[in-house]
Amino acid sequence: MEVMNKILSESDTKNKRLEFPARSLSAIPIPDGQNSVQFVAFDMQEQQWNLKVSIRNEGRYRKPWLKGEWHDYVHQKGLKKGDKVILTMDEEDNGERIYRIRAERKHFGFWYSIDDQQ
C-alpha cells in the first residue's frame, strides 16, 4: 500500500524534517495520548532508516512531520527540490507492518530510481 508519494519542496530537503501528508497518517497510527510514533523503513538496498512521525499537540490542524533519520536519508541520497519520495507499507499475516522508502528523480520527463544510481 502506498502511504506517501511526495515531490519534495526545498524545505523538505534543507530542514531536518519533511512535511508529512495528513491523509497518510492512517497508515502510521499514533497511539492515543501521544504525539509521535517511530518506525523503521527499508530503502532499496535494505538499509534501515529510523523515522518518526510527529503531530502537534494543540491547534486545529495536526500538521504532521517526518523526522528521525530523514535528514541523513536526504544527504545520503543527494535529494533536492523536485525529487520524489515514495513510502509504502505492507502488512504481514502476523499484523507486523513493513515500511519501504525510495527516492526518484525526473529526467527528460521520466521518473528514475535514485537508489539504482548509487
N, C-alpha and C. Protein backbone atom coordinates (compact mmCIF):
# COMPACT_ATOMS: atom_id res chain seq x y z
N MET A 1 0.84 -1.17 0.00
CA MET A 1 0.00 0.00 0.00
C MET A 1 0.89 1.24 0.00
N GLU A 2 0.57 2.16 -0.89
CA GLU A 2 1.33 3.40 -0.93
C GLU A 2 0.86 4.33 0.18
N VAL A 3 1.79 4.71 1.04
CA VAL A 3 1.49 5.60 2.16
C VAL A 3 1.66 7.05 1.74
N MET A 4 2.73 7.33 1.03
CA MET A 4 3.06 8.70 0.65
C MET A 4 3.78 8.69 -0.69
N ASN A 5 3.44 9.64 -1.52
CA ASN A 5 4.10 9.85 -2.79
C ASN A 5 4.21 11.37 -2.91
N LYS A 6 5.38 11.91 -2.60
CA LYS A 6 5.51 13.34 -2.45
C LYS A 6 6.69 13.89 -3.24
N ILE A 7 6.42 14.96 -3.98
CA ILE A 7 7.51 15.71 -4.62
C ILE A 7 8.05 16.67 -3.58
N LEU A 8 9.35 16.63 -3.38
CA LEU A 8 9.98 17.36 -2.29
C LEU A 8 10.05 18.86 -2.55
N SER A 9 9.78 19.61 -1.51
CA SER A 9 9.95 21.06 -1.53
C SER A 9 11.38 21.37 -1.08
N GLU A 10 11.78 22.60 -1.23
CA GLU A 10 13.10 22.98 -0.75
C GLU A 10 13.19 22.81 0.76
N SER A 11 12.12 23.13 1.45
CA SER A 11 12.07 22.97 2.90
C SER A 11 12.26 21.51 3.31
N ASP A 12 11.65 20.59 2.57
CA ASP A 12 11.79 19.16 2.86
C ASP A 12 13.23 18.69 2.76
N THR A 13 14.01 19.30 1.88
CA THR A 13 15.39 18.86 1.66
C THR A 13 16.40 19.64 2.49
N LYS A 14 16.07 20.86 2.88
CA LYS A 14 17.03 21.70 3.61
C LYS A 14 16.87 21.58 5.12
N ASN A 15 15.65 21.37 5.58
CA ASN A 15 15.40 21.25 7.02
C ASN A 15 15.55 19.79 7.43
N LYS A 16 15.52 19.54 8.70
CA LYS A 16 15.71 18.18 9.20
C LYS A 16 14.38 17.45 9.33
N ARG A 17 13.39 17.88 8.54
CA ARG A 17 12.08 17.24 8.59
C ARG A 17 11.36 17.42 7.27
N LEU A 18 10.42 16.51 7.03
CA LEU A 18 9.62 16.55 5.82
C LEU A 18 8.17 16.80 6.24
N GLU A 19 7.51 17.69 5.54
CA GLU A 19 6.09 17.91 5.81
C GLU A 19 5.34 16.68 5.33
N PHE A 20 4.81 15.92 6.29
CA PHE A 20 4.18 14.64 6.01
C PHE A 20 2.70 14.86 5.68
N PRO A 21 2.20 14.29 4.59
CA PRO A 21 0.79 14.50 4.22
C PRO A 21 -0.16 13.95 5.30
N ALA A 22 -1.07 14.79 5.76
CA ALA A 22 -2.02 14.39 6.82
C ALA A 22 -2.86 13.19 6.39
N ARG A 23 -3.18 13.11 5.10
CA ARG A 23 -4.00 11.99 4.62
C ARG A 23 -3.29 10.64 4.77
N SER A 24 -1.98 10.66 4.99
CA SER A 24 -1.21 9.43 5.11
C SER A 24 -1.08 8.94 6.56
N LEU A 25 -1.60 9.71 7.51
CA LEU A 25 -1.45 9.35 8.92
C LEU A 25 -2.10 8.02 9.28
N SER A 26 -3.14 7.63 8.57
CA SER A 26 -3.84 6.38 8.91
C SER A 26 -2.94 5.16 8.73
N ALA A 27 -1.92 5.26 7.90
CA ALA A 27 -1.01 4.13 7.65
C ALA A 27 0.09 4.03 8.72
N ILE A 28 0.22 5.08 9.52
CA ILE A 28 1.22 5.09 10.59
C ILE A 28 0.50 5.56 11.86
N PRO A 29 -0.24 4.65 12.49
CA PRO A 29 -1.06 5.06 13.63
C PRO A 29 -0.24 5.55 14.82
N ILE A 30 -0.65 6.70 15.34
CA ILE A 30 -0.02 7.27 16.52
C ILE A 30 -0.87 6.85 17.73
N PRO A 31 -0.25 6.23 18.73
CA PRO A 31 -1.01 5.77 19.90
C PRO A 31 -1.76 6.91 20.59
N ASP A 32 -2.92 6.61 21.12
CA ASP A 32 -3.70 7.60 21.86
C ASP A 32 -2.87 8.21 22.97
N GLY A 33 -2.99 9.51 23.13
CA GLY A 33 -2.29 10.22 24.19
C GLY A 33 -0.85 10.58 23.84
N GLN A 34 -0.40 10.20 22.66
CA GLN A 34 0.97 10.53 22.24
C GLN A 34 0.91 11.41 21.00
N ASN A 35 2.02 12.08 20.72
CA ASN A 35 2.04 12.94 19.53
C ASN A 35 3.09 12.49 18.51
N SER A 36 3.63 11.28 18.69
CA SER A 36 4.61 10.79 17.72
C SER A 36 4.68 9.27 17.76
N VAL A 37 5.22 8.72 16.69
CA VAL A 37 5.47 7.28 16.62
C VAL A 37 6.73 7.07 15.78
N GLN A 38 7.56 6.14 16.22
CA GLN A 38 8.77 5.80 15.48
C GLN A 38 8.55 4.51 14.70
N PHE A 39 9.21 4.43 13.56
CA PHE A 39 9.13 3.21 12.75
C PHE A 39 10.39 3.11 11.92
N VAL A 40 10.63 1.93 11.38
CA VAL A 40 11.79 1.69 10.53
C VAL A 40 11.30 1.51 9.10
N ALA A 41 11.97 2.17 8.17
CA ALA A 41 11.69 1.98 6.75
C ALA A 41 12.98 1.48 6.09
N PHE A 42 12.82 0.55 5.16
CA PHE A 42 13.96 -0.01 4.43
C PHE A 42 14.02 0.62 3.05
N ASP A 43 15.24 1.02 2.63
CA ASP A 43 15.38 1.55 1.28
C ASP A 43 15.62 0.39 0.30
N MET A 44 15.90 0.71 -0.94
CA MET A 44 16.04 -0.31 -1.98
C MET A 44 17.28 -1.20 -1.77
N GLN A 45 18.24 -0.73 -0.98
CA GLN A 45 19.42 -1.53 -0.66
C GLN A 45 19.26 -2.25 0.67
N GLU A 46 18.03 -2.23 1.23
CA GLU A 46 17.70 -2.85 2.51
C GLU A 46 18.36 -2.15 3.70
N GLN A 47 18.82 -0.93 3.49
CA GLN A 47 19.34 -0.15 4.62
C GLN A 47 18.15 0.33 5.45
N GLN A 48 18.29 0.24 6.78
CA GLN A 48 17.23 0.67 7.68
C GLN A 48 17.35 2.15 7.97
N TRP A 49 16.21 2.83 7.99
CA TRP A 49 16.13 4.24 8.35
C TRP A 49 15.14 4.38 9.49
N ASN A 50 15.61 4.88 10.62
CA ASN A 50 14.75 5.10 11.78
C ASN A 50 14.05 6.44 11.62
N LEU A 51 12.75 6.39 11.40
CA LEU A 51 11.97 7.58 11.13
C LEU A 51 10.94 7.79 12.21
N LYS A 52 10.43 9.01 12.29
CA LYS A 52 9.48 9.36 13.32
C LYS A 52 8.46 10.34 12.74
N VAL A 53 7.18 10.03 12.91
CA VAL A 53 6.12 10.94 12.51
C VAL A 53 5.60 11.62 13.78
N SER A 54 5.56 12.94 13.75
CA SER A 54 5.09 13.74 14.88
C SER A 54 3.94 14.62 14.43
N ILE A 55 3.01 14.88 15.37
CA ILE A 55 1.92 15.81 15.11
C ILE A 55 1.87 16.83 16.25
N ARG A 56 1.18 17.93 16.01
CA ARG A 56 1.00 18.95 17.04
C ARG A 56 0.11 18.42 18.15
N ASN A 57 0.39 18.85 19.36
CA ASN A 57 -0.47 18.51 20.50
C ASN A 57 -1.70 19.41 20.55
N GLU A 58 -1.55 20.61 20.04
CA GLU A 58 -2.62 21.60 20.13
C GLU A 58 -2.91 22.17 18.76
N GLY A 59 -4.02 22.87 18.69
CA GLY A 59 -4.35 23.55 17.46
C GLY A 59 -5.35 22.78 16.62
N ARG A 60 -5.87 23.47 15.65
CA ARG A 60 -6.90 22.91 14.79
C ARG A 60 -6.36 21.88 13.81
N TYR A 61 -5.14 22.10 13.35
CA TYR A 61 -4.55 21.22 12.35
C TYR A 61 -3.44 20.39 12.99
N ARG A 62 -3.36 19.14 12.61
CA ARG A 62 -2.37 18.23 13.20
C ARG A 62 -0.96 18.50 12.69
N LYS A 63 -0.84 18.98 11.46
CA LYS A 63 0.44 19.34 10.83
C LYS A 63 1.54 18.30 11.10
N PRO A 64 1.43 17.13 10.50
CA PRO A 64 2.43 16.08 10.75
C PRO A 64 3.78 16.35 10.06
N TRP A 65 4.82 15.87 10.71
CA TRP A 65 6.20 15.98 10.22
C TRP A 65 6.87 14.62 10.28
N LEU A 66 7.73 14.36 9.33
CA LEU A 66 8.57 13.16 9.34
C LEU A 66 9.97 13.61 9.74
N LYS A 67 10.49 13.00 10.80
CA LYS A 67 11.81 13.38 11.32
C LYS A 67 12.66 12.13 11.48
N GLY A 68 13.38 12.04 12.56
CA GLY A 68 14.28 10.91 12.79
C GLY A 68 15.48 11.04 11.87
N GLU A 69 15.78 9.99 11.13
CA GLU A 69 16.94 10.00 10.23
C GLU A 69 16.61 10.55 8.85
N TRP A 70 15.53 11.33 8.75
CA TRP A 70 15.14 11.92 7.47
C TRP A 70 16.28 12.72 6.86
N HIS A 71 16.91 13.58 7.65
CA HIS A 71 18.00 14.44 7.13
C HIS A 71 19.16 13.59 6.61
N ASP A 72 19.47 12.50 7.32
CA ASP A 72 20.54 11.59 6.87
C ASP A 72 20.16 10.93 5.54
N TYR A 73 18.89 10.55 5.42
CA TYR A 73 18.40 9.94 4.18
C TYR A 73 18.55 10.93 3.02
N VAL A 74 18.13 12.17 3.23
CA VAL A 74 18.25 13.21 2.20
C VAL A 74 19.70 13.37 1.78
N HIS A 75 20.59 13.45 2.76
CA HIS A 75 22.01 13.66 2.48
C HIS A 75 22.61 12.46 1.72
N GLN A 76 22.34 11.25 2.19
CA GLN A 76 22.93 10.06 1.55
C GLN A 76 22.44 9.90 0.11
N LYS A 77 21.16 10.18 -0.12
CA LYS A 77 20.60 10.00 -1.47
C LYS A 77 20.84 11.22 -2.36
N GLY A 78 21.31 12.32 -1.78
CA GLY A 78 21.55 13.53 -2.56
C GLY A 78 20.26 14.16 -3.06
N LEU A 79 19.21 14.10 -2.24
CA LEU A 79 17.91 14.60 -2.66
C LEU A 79 17.88 16.11 -2.75
N LYS A 80 17.07 16.59 -3.68
CA LYS A 80 16.92 18.03 -3.87
C LYS A 80 15.47 18.35 -4.21
N LYS A 81 15.16 19.61 -4.19
CA LYS A 81 13.82 20.07 -4.53
C LYS A 81 13.40 19.48 -5.88
N GLY A 82 12.17 18.96 -5.95
CA GLY A 82 11.67 18.38 -7.19
C GLY A 82 11.81 16.87 -7.27
N ASP A 83 12.68 16.28 -6.43
CA ASP A 83 12.77 14.83 -6.37
C ASP A 83 11.50 14.30 -5.70
N LYS A 84 11.29 13.00 -5.82
CA LYS A 84 10.09 12.38 -5.26
C LYS A 84 10.48 11.31 -4.26
N VAL A 85 9.73 11.24 -3.17
CA VAL A 85 9.92 10.18 -2.18
C VAL A 85 8.62 9.40 -2.08
N ILE A 86 8.74 8.08 -2.10
CA ILE A 86 7.59 7.19 -2.01
C ILE A 86 7.78 6.28 -0.80
N LEU A 87 6.79 6.28 0.07
CA LEU A 87 6.80 5.43 1.25
C LEU A 87 5.66 4.43 1.10
N THR A 88 5.98 3.16 1.24
CA THR A 88 4.96 2.11 1.14
C THR A 88 4.93 1.30 2.43
N MET A 89 3.82 0.59 2.61
CA MET A 89 3.65 -0.25 3.79
C MET A 89 2.98 -1.55 3.36
N ASP A 90 3.53 -2.66 3.82
CA ASP A 90 2.92 -3.97 3.63
C ASP A 90 2.66 -4.56 5.00
N GLU A 91 1.48 -5.12 5.17
CA GLU A 91 1.15 -5.75 6.44
C GLU A 91 1.28 -7.26 6.30
N GLU A 92 2.11 -7.83 7.18
CA GLU A 92 2.35 -9.27 7.18
C GLU A 92 1.13 -9.99 7.78
N ASP A 93 1.09 -11.30 7.62
CA ASP A 93 0.00 -12.10 8.18
C ASP A 93 -0.11 -11.97 9.69
N ASN A 94 1.03 -11.74 10.35
CA ASN A 94 1.03 -11.61 11.81
C ASN A 94 0.69 -10.18 12.27
N GLY A 95 0.37 -9.28 11.33
CA GLY A 95 0.00 -7.91 11.67
C GLY A 95 1.16 -6.93 11.67
N GLU A 96 2.39 -7.43 11.53
CA GLU A 96 3.55 -6.55 11.52
C GLU A 96 3.54 -5.72 10.23
N ARG A 97 3.87 -4.45 10.38
CA ARG A 97 3.92 -3.55 9.23
C ARG A 97 5.36 -3.36 8.78
N ILE A 98 5.60 -3.54 7.49
CA ILE A 98 6.92 -3.38 6.90
C ILE A 98 6.85 -2.13 6.00
N TYR A 99 7.69 -1.15 6.31
CA TYR A 99 7.71 0.09 5.54
C TYR A 99 8.93 0.11 4.62
N ARG A 100 8.73 0.64 3.43
CA ARG A 100 9.82 0.79 2.45
C ARG A 100 9.80 2.23 1.95
N ILE A 101 11.00 2.77 1.73
CA ILE A 101 11.13 4.13 1.24
C ILE A 101 12.03 4.13 0.02
N ARG A 102 11.66 4.89 -0.98
CA ARG A 102 12.52 5.01 -2.17
C ARG A 102 12.43 6.44 -2.69
N ALA A 103 13.46 6.82 -3.40
CA ALA A 103 13.55 8.16 -3.95
C ALA A 103 13.70 8.09 -5.46
N GLU A 104 13.08 9.06 -6.14
CA GLU A 104 13.14 9.12 -7.59
C GLU A 104 13.45 10.54 -8.04
N ARG A 105 14.03 10.62 -9.23
CA ARG A 105 14.36 11.92 -9.84
C ARG A 105 13.84 11.91 -11.27
N LYS A 106 13.27 13.03 -11.66
CA LYS A 106 12.73 13.15 -13.02
C LYS A 106 13.84 13.57 -13.97
N HIS A 107 13.93 12.84 -15.07
CA HIS A 107 14.95 13.12 -16.08
C HIS A 107 14.32 12.95 -17.45
N PHE A 108 14.29 14.02 -18.22
CA PHE A 108 13.68 14.01 -19.55
C PHE A 108 12.24 13.48 -19.51
N GLY A 109 11.49 13.90 -18.47
CA GLY A 109 10.07 13.55 -18.38
C GLY A 109 9.76 12.20 -17.77
N PHE A 110 10.78 11.44 -17.37
CA PHE A 110 10.57 10.12 -16.77
C PHE A 110 11.17 10.09 -15.37
N TRP A 111 10.50 9.37 -14.46
CA TRP A 111 11.00 9.21 -13.10
C TRP A 111 11.92 8.00 -13.03
N TYR A 112 13.11 8.20 -12.45
CA TYR A 112 14.10 7.14 -12.29
C TYR A 112 14.46 6.98 -10.83
N SER A 113 14.70 5.76 -10.41
CA SER A 113 15.09 5.49 -9.03
C SER A 113 16.46 6.07 -8.76
N ILE A 114 16.57 6.84 -7.70
CA ILE A 114 17.87 7.36 -7.27
C ILE A 114 18.68 6.24 -6.66
N ASP A 115 18.01 5.30 -6.00
CA ASP A 115 18.70 4.17 -5.35
C ASP A 115 19.48 3.33 -6.36
N ASP A 116 18.96 3.20 -7.59
CA ASP A 116 19.63 2.41 -8.62
C ASP A 116 20.92 3.08 -9.10
N GLN A 117 21.05 4.37 -8.86
CA GLN A 117 22.20 5.11 -9.37
C GLN A 117 23.34 5.16 -8.35
N GLN A 118 23.14 4.54 -7.18
CA GLN A 118 24.16 4.61 -6.14
C GLN A 118 25.04 3.39 -6.19
